[in-house]
Amino acid sequence: MRELKFRAWHPNLRRMFYTCRVGPHDWANDSGHYGGEHDTLMQFTGLLDKHGKEIYESDIIRLGGI
């Protein structure tokens, strides 16, 4: 079973928040920021890229030499 991890993009602050706790209607991070309806939540896919970096939903990846 994969670990459920989330990150969130806040468009007004133009900032990515990591270590998000997700509830039924909103999310919060460890520094106390609570998300709004215009924020974008992304879930960890369970996959890592060749550098060991986590891949989340909505990430853009390049395959091979394409």
PDB file of N, CA and C in Angstrom:
ATOM      1  N   MET A   1       0.839  -1.181   0.000  1.00  0.00           N
ATOM      2  CA  MET A   1       0.000   0.000   0.000  1.00  0.00           C
ATOM      3  C   MET A   1       0.882   1.241   0.000  1.00  0.00           C
ATOM      4  N   ARG A   2       0.551   2.197  -0.877  1.00  0.00           N
ATOM      5  CA  ARG A   2       1.370   3.403  -0.948  1.00  0.00           C
ATOM      6  C   ARG A   2       0.981   4.408   0.122  1.00  0.00           C
ATOM      7  N   GLU A   3       1.936   5.226   0.463  1.00  0.00           N
ATOM      8  CA  GLU A   3       1.712   6.275   1.456  1.00  0.00           C
ATOM      9  C   GLU A   3       0.898   7.404   0.819  1.00  0.00           C
ATOM     10  N   LEU A   4      -0.106   7.896   1.523  1.00  0.00           N
ATOM     11  CA  LEU A   4      -0.909   9.008   1.021  1.00  0.00           C
ATOM     12  C   LEU A   4      -0.254  10.315   1.432  1.00  0.00           C
ATOM     13  N   LYS A   5       0.281  11.013   0.444  1.00  0.00           N
ATOM     14  CA  LYS A   5       0.927  12.304   0.659  1.00  0.00           C
ATOM     15  C   LYS A   5       0.290  13.301  -0.290  1.00  0.00           C
ATOM     16  N   PHE A   6       0.235  14.545   0.133  1.00  0.00           N
ATOM     17  CA  PHE A   6      -0.335  15.597  -0.689  1.00  0.00           C
ATOM     18  C   PHE A   6       0.574  16.820  -0.657  1.00  0.00           C
ATOM     19  N   ARG A   7       0.461  17.613  -1.702  1.00  0.00           N
ATOM     20  CA  ARG A   7       1.031  18.955  -1.722  1.00  0.00           C
ATOM     21  C   ARG A   7      -0.038  19.852  -2.319  1.00  0.00           C
ATOM     22  N   ALA A   8       0.081  21.155  -2.122  1.00  0.00           N
ATOM     23  CA  ALA A   8      -0.948  22.074  -2.594  1.00  0.00           C
ATOM     24  C   ALA A   8      -0.312  23.310  -3.216  1.00  0.00           C
ATOM     25  N   TRP A   9      -0.868  23.749  -4.338  1.00  0.00           N
ATOM     26  CA  TRP A   9      -0.440  24.971  -5.009  1.00  0.00           C
ATOM     27  C   TRP A   9      -1.438  26.075  -4.656  1.00  0.00           C
ATOM     28  N   HIS A  10      -0.910  27.180  -4.133  1.00  0.00           N
ATOM     29  CA  HIS A  10      -1.735  28.336  -3.793  1.00  0.00           C
ATOM     30  C   HIS A  10      -1.499  29.389  -4.877  1.00  0.00           C
ATOM     31  N   PRO A  11      -2.480  29.620  -5.767  1.00  0.00           N
ATOM     32  CA  PRO A  11      -2.254  30.514  -6.912  1.00  0.00           C
ATOM     33  C   PRO A  11      -2.052  31.980  -6.535  1.00  0.00           C
ATOM     34  N   ASN A  12      -2.710  32.461  -5.489  1.00  0.00           N
ATOM     35  CA  ASN A  12      -2.548  33.869  -5.108  1.00  0.00           C
ATOM     36  C   ASN A  12      -1.161  34.142  -4.544  1.00  0.00           C
ATOM     37  N   LEU A  13      -0.651  33.221  -3.742  1.00  0.00           N
ATOM     38  CA  LEU A  13       0.690  33.384  -3.175  1.00  0.00           C
ATOM     39  C   LEU A  13       1.774  32.892  -4.124  1.00  0.00           C
ATOM     40  N   ARG A  14       1.357  32.168  -5.184  1.00  0.00           N
ATOM     41  CA  ARG A  14       2.274  31.555  -6.153  1.00  0.00           C
ATOM     42  C   ARG A  14       3.317  30.720  -5.410  1.00  0.00           C
ATOM     43  N   ARG A  15       2.819  29.821  -4.559  1.00  0.00           N
ATOM     44  CA  ARG A  15       3.681  29.031  -3.692  1.00  0.00           C
ATOM     45  C   ARG A  15       3.148  27.611  -3.566  1.00  0.00           C
ATOM     46  N   MET A  16       4.062  26.646  -3.499  1.00  0.00           N
ATOM     47  CA  MET A  16       3.707  25.250  -3.292  1.00  0.00           C
ATOM     48  C   MET A  16       3.871  24.936  -1.817  1.00  0.00           C
ATOM     49  N   PHE A  17       2.871  24.309  -1.227  1.00  0.00           N
ATOM     50  CA  PHE A  17       2.917  23.888   0.162  1.00  0.00           C
ATOM     51  C   PHE A  17       3.064  22.374   0.210  1.00  0.00           C
ATOM     52  N   TYR A  18       4.002  21.904   0.994  1.00  0.00           N
ATOM     53  CA  TYR A  18       4.236  20.469   1.166  1.00  0.00           C
ATOM     54  C   TYR A  18       3.758  20.048   2.553  1.00  0.00           C
ATOM     55  N   THR A  19       3.750  18.779   2.823  1.00  0.00           N
ATOM     56  CA  THR A  19       3.294  18.199   4.097  1.00  0.00           C
ATOM     57  C   THR A  19       1.902  18.706   4.461  1.00  0.00           C
ATOM     58  N   CYS A  20       0.960  18.495   3.574  1.00  0.00           N
ATOM     59  CA  CYS A  20      -0.415  18.932   3.788  1.00  0.00           C
ATOM     60  C   CYS A  20      -1.235  17.846   4.456  1.00  0.00           C
ATOM     61  N   ARG A  21      -2.087  18.273   5.355  1.00  0.00           N
ATOM     62  CA  ARG A  21      -3.096  17.393   5.954  1.00  0.00           C
ATOM     63  C   ARG A  21      -4.416  17.731   5.283  1.00  0.00           C
ATOM     64  N   VAL A  22      -5.080  16.715   4.766  1.00  0.00           N
ATOM     65  CA  VAL A  22      -6.293  16.937   3.988  1.00  0.00           C
ATOM     66  C   VAL A  22      -7.506  16.488   4.777  1.00  0.00           C
ATOM     67  N   GLY A  23      -8.496  17.361   4.842  1.00  0.00           N
ATOM     68  CA  GLY A  23      -9.765  17.045   5.496  1.00  0.00           C
ATOM     69  C   GLY A  23     -10.867  16.951   4.454  1.00  0.00           C
ATOM     70  N   PRO A  24     -12.096  16.773   4.891  1.00  0.00           N
ATOM     71  CA  PRO A  24     -13.197  16.623   3.944  1.00  0.00           C
ATOM     72  C   PRO A  24     -13.510  17.883   3.135  1.00  0.00           C
ATOM     73  N   HIS A  25     -13.189  19.066   3.664  1.00  0.00           N
ATOM     74  CA  HIS A  25     -13.546  20.302   2.971  1.00  0.00           C
ATOM     75  C   HIS A  25     -12.378  21.252   2.737  1.00  0.00           C
ATOM     76  N   ASP A  26     -11.220  20.991   3.327  1.00  0.00           N
ATOM     77  CA  ASP A  26     -10.085  21.891   3.175  1.00  0.00           C
ATOM     78  C   ASP A  26      -8.797  21.153   3.481  1.00  0.00           C
ATOM     79  N   TRP A  27      -7.704  21.878   3.492  1.00  0.00           N
ATOM     80  CA  TRP A  27      -6.404  21.304   3.830  1.00  0.00           C
ATOM     81  C   TRP A  27      -5.639  22.318   4.669  1.00  0.00           C
ATOM     82  N   ALA A  28      -4.607  21.825   5.342  1.00  0.00           N
ATOM     83  CA  ALA A  28      -3.744  22.693   6.148  1.00  0.00           C
ATOM     84  C   ALA A  28      -2.327  22.152   6.077  1.00  0.00           C
ATOM     85  N   ASN A  29      -1.349  23.032   6.236  1.00  0.00           N
ATOM     86  CA  ASN A  29       0.038  22.563   6.292  1.00  0.00           C
ATOM     87  C   ASN A  29       0.574  22.754   7.705  1.00  0.00           C
ATOM     88  N   ASP A  30       1.813  22.340   7.913  1.00  0.00           N
ATOM     89  CA  ASP A  30       2.401  22.373   9.252  1.00  0.00           C
ATOM     90  C   ASP A  30       2.602  23.782   9.805  1.00  0.00           C
ATOM     91  N   SER A  31       2.693  24.785   8.924  1.00  0.00           N
ATOM     92  CA  SER A  31       2.900  26.151   9.415  1.00  0.00           C
ATOM     93  C   SER A  31       1.589  26.875   9.684  1.00  0.00           C
ATOM     94  N   GLY A  32       0.465  26.157   9.578  1.00  0.00           N
ATOM     95  CA  GLY A  32      -0.816  26.740   9.932  1.00  0.00           C
ATOM     96  C   GLY A  32      -1.587  27.372   8.793  1.00  0.00           C
ATOM     97  N   HIS A  33      -1.078  27.295   7.565  1.00  0.00           N
ATOM     98  CA  HIS A  33      -1.811  27.860   6.432  1.00  0.00           C
ATOM     99  C   HIS A  33      -2.967  26.933   6.063  1.00  0.00           C
ATOM    100  N   TYR A  34      -4.155  27.486   5.960  1.00  0.00           N
ATOM    101  CA  TYR A  34      -5.322  26.713   5.552  1.00  0.00           C
ATOM    102  C   TYR A  34      -5.670  27.050   4.118  1.00  0.00           C
ATOM    103  N   GLY A  35      -5.947  26.017   3.342  1.00  0.00           N
ATOM    104  CA  GLY A  35      -6.228  26.204   1.926  1.00  0.00           C
ATOM    105  C   GLY A  35      -7.643  26.643   1.640  1.00  0.00           C
ATOM    106  N   GLY A  36      -7.795  27.215   0.463  1.00  0.00           N
ATOM    107  CA  GLY A  36      -9.099  27.677   0.014  1.00  0.00           C
ATOM    108  C   GLY A  36      -9.580  26.899  -1.194  1.00  0.00           C
ATOM    109  N   GLU A  37     -10.710  27.328  -1.730  1.00  0.00           N
ATOM    110  CA  GLU A  37     -11.327  26.594  -2.820  1.00  0.00           C
ATOM    111  C   GLU A  37     -10.571  26.730  -4.140  1.00  0.00           C
ATOM    112  N   HIS A  38      -9.729  27.749  -4.288  1.00  0.00           N
ATOM    113  CA  HIS A  38      -9.004  27.940  -5.544  1.00  0.00           C
ATOM    114  C   HIS A  38      -7.633  27.266  -5.551  1.00  0.00           C
ATOM    115  N   ASP A  39      -7.249  26.675  -4.440  1.00  0.00           N
ATOM    116  CA  ASP A  39      -5.977  25.973  -4.363  1.00  0.00           C
ATOM    117  C   ASP A  39      -6.081  24.635  -5.087  1.00  0.00           C
ATOM    118  N   THR A  40      -4.947  24.135  -5.551  1.00  0.00           N
ATOM    119  CA  THR A  40      -4.917  22.865  -6.258  1.00  0.00           C
ATOM    120  C   THR A  40      -4.192  21.833  -5.408  1.00  0.00           C
ATOM    121  N   LEU A  41      -4.893  20.774  -5.019  1.00  0.00           N
ATOM    122  CA  LEU A  41      -4.287  19.668  -4.274  1.00  0.00           C
ATOM    123  C   LEU A  41      -3.773  18.619  -5.250  1.00  0.00           C
ATOM    124  N   MET A  42      -2.588  18.099  -4.981  1.00  0.00           N
ATOM    125  CA  MET A  42      -2.001  17.051  -5.802  1.00  0.00           C
ATOM    126  C   MET A  42      -1.585  15.900  -4.909  1.00  0.00           C
ATOM    127  N   GLN A  43      -1.909  14.677  -5.323  1.00  0.00           N
ATOM    128  CA  GLN A  43      -1.589  13.497  -4.531  1.00  0.00           C
ATOM    129  C   GLN A  43      -0.335  12.820  -5.083  1.00  0.00           C
ATOM    130  N   PHE A  44       0.491  12.312  -4.180  1.00  0.00           N
ATOM    131  CA  PHE A  44       1.698  11.569  -4.538  1.00  0.00           C
ATOM    132  C   PHE A  44       1.296  10.287  -5.261  1.00  0.00           C
ATOM    133  N   THR A  45       1.929  10.009  -6.394  1.00  0.00           N
ATOM    134  CA  THR A  45       1.578   8.840  -7.193  1.00  0.00           C
ATOM    135  C   THR A  45       2.222   7.558  -6.697  1.00  0.00           C
ATOM    136  N   GLY A  46       3.221   7.673  -5.827  1.00  0.00           N
ATOM    137  CA  GLY A  46       3.954   6.497  -5.371  1.00  0.00           C
ATOM    138  C   GLY A  46       5.175   6.218  -6.218  1.00  0.00           C
ATOM    139  N   LEU A  47       5.403   7.046  -7.244  1.00  0.00           N
ATOM    140  CA  LEU A  47       6.533   6.871  -8.148  1.00  0.00           C
ATOM    141  C   LEU A  47       7.601   7.921  -7.883  1.00  0.00           C
ATOM    142  N   LEU A  48       8.840   7.562  -8.191  1.00  0.00           N
ATOM    143  CA  LEU A  48       9.969   8.483  -8.075  1.00  0.00           C
ATOM    144  C   LEU A  48      10.605   8.657  -9.442  1.00  0.00           C
ATOM    145  N   ASP A  49      11.154   9.842  -9.711  1.00  0.00           N
ATOM    146  CA  ASP A  49      11.869  10.029 -10.968  1.00  0.00           C
ATOM    147  C   ASP A  49      13.288   9.478 -10.832  1.00  0.00           C
ATOM    148  N   LYS A  50      14.097   9.619 -11.878  1.00  0.00           N
ATOM    149  CA  LYS A  50      15.440   9.025 -11.860  1.00  0.00           C
ATOM    150  C   LYS A  50      16.366   9.664 -10.836  1.00  0.00           C
ATOM    151  N   HIS A  51      15.986  10.823 -10.311  1.00  0.00           N
ATOM    152  CA  HIS A  51      16.776  11.503  -9.282  1.00  0.00           C
ATOM    153  C   HIS A  51      16.246  11.221  -7.879  1.00  0.00           C
ATOM    154  N   GLY A  52      15.206  10.381  -7.782  1.00  0.00           N
ATOM    155  CA  GLY A  52      14.628  10.042  -6.491  1.00  0.00           C
ATOM    156  C   GLY A  52      13.603  11.041  -5.993  1.00  0.00           C
ATOM    157  N   LYS A  53      13.194  11.977  -6.849  1.00  0.00           N
ATOM    158  CA  LYS A  53      12.209  12.992  -6.474  1.00  0.00           C
ATOM    159  C   LYS A  53      10.802  12.421  -6.668  1.00  0.00           C
ATOM    160  N   GLU A  54       9.912  12.721  -5.716  1.00  0.00           N
ATOM    161  CA  GLU A  54       8.549  12.212  -5.770  1.00  0.00           C
ATOM    162  C   GLU A  54       7.780  12.823  -6.948  1.00  0.00           C
ATOM    163  N   ILE A  55       6.944  12.002  -7.597  1.00  0.00           N
ATOM    164  CA  ILE A  55       6.107  12.458  -8.698  1.00  0.00           C
ATOM    165  C   ILE A  55       4.677  12.563  -8.188  1.00  0.00           C
ATOM    166  N   TYR A  56       4.075  13.737  -8.389  1.00  0.00           N
ATOM    167  CA  TYR A  56       2.707  14.006  -7.955  1.00  0.00           C
ATOM    168  C   TYR A  56       1.802  14.133  -9.170  1.00  0.00           C
ATOM    169  N   GLU A  57       0.487  13.993  -8.935  1.00  0.00           N
ATOM    170  CA  GLU A  57      -0.484  14.236  -9.993  1.00  0.00           C
ATOM    171  C   GLU A  57      -0.240  15.622 -10.566  1.00  0.00           C
ATOM    172  N   SER A  58      -0.438  15.787 -11.856  1.00  0.00           N
ATOM    173  CA  SER A  58      -0.291  17.044 -12.581  1.00  0.00           C
ATOM    174  C   SER A  58       1.155  17.420 -12.854  1.00  0.00           C
ATOM    175  N   ASP A  59       2.131  16.622 -12.417  1.00  0.00           N
ATOM    176  CA  ASP A  59       3.525  16.894 -12.764  1.00  0.00           C
ATOM    177  C   ASP A  59       3.712  16.638 -14.258  1.00  0.00           C
ATOM    178  N   ILE A  60       4.571  17.418 -14.875  1.00  0.00           N
ATOM    179  CA  ILE A  60       4.902  17.224 -16.284  1.00  0.00           C
ATOM    180  C   ILE A  60       6.226  16.482 -16.329  1.00  0.00           C
ATOM    181  N   ILE A  61       6.217  15.354 -17.032  1.00  0.00           N
ATOM    182  CA  ILE A  61       7.431  14.553 -17.124  1.00  0.00           C
ATOM    183  C   ILE A  61       7.802  14.341 -18.587  1.00  0.00           C
ATOM    184  N   ARG A  62       9.073  14.073 -18.833  1.00  0.00           N
ATOM    185  CA  ARG A  62       9.552  13.782 -20.177  1.00  0.00           C
ATOM    186  C   ARG A  62      10.032  12.355 -20.179  1.00  0.00           C
ATOM    187  N   LEU A  63       9.588  11.581 -21.158  1.00  0.00           N
ATOM    188  CA  LEU A  63       9.952  10.168 -21.252  1.00  0.00           C
ATOM    189  C   LEU A  63      11.070   9.994 -22.271  1.00  0.00           C
ATOM    190  N   GLY A  64      12.117   9.274 -21.886  1.00  0.00           N
ATOM    191  CA  GLY A  64      13.219   8.971 -22.801  1.00  0.00           C
ATOM    192  C   GLY A  64      13.833  10.220 -23.393  1.00  0.00           C
ATOM    193  N   GLY A  65      14.131  10.174 -24.683  1.00  0.00           N
ATOM    194  CA  GLY A  65      14.755  11.298 -25.354  1.00  0.00           C
ATOM    195  C   GLY A  65      13.765  12.155 -26.119  1.00  0.00           C
ATOM    196  N   ILE A  66      12.518  12.071 -25.753  1.00  0.00           N
ATOM    197  CA  ILE A  66      11.470  12.799 -26.487  1.00  0.00           C
ATOM    198  C   ILE A  66      11.470  14.261 -26.102  1.00  0.00           C
TER     199      ILE A  66
END
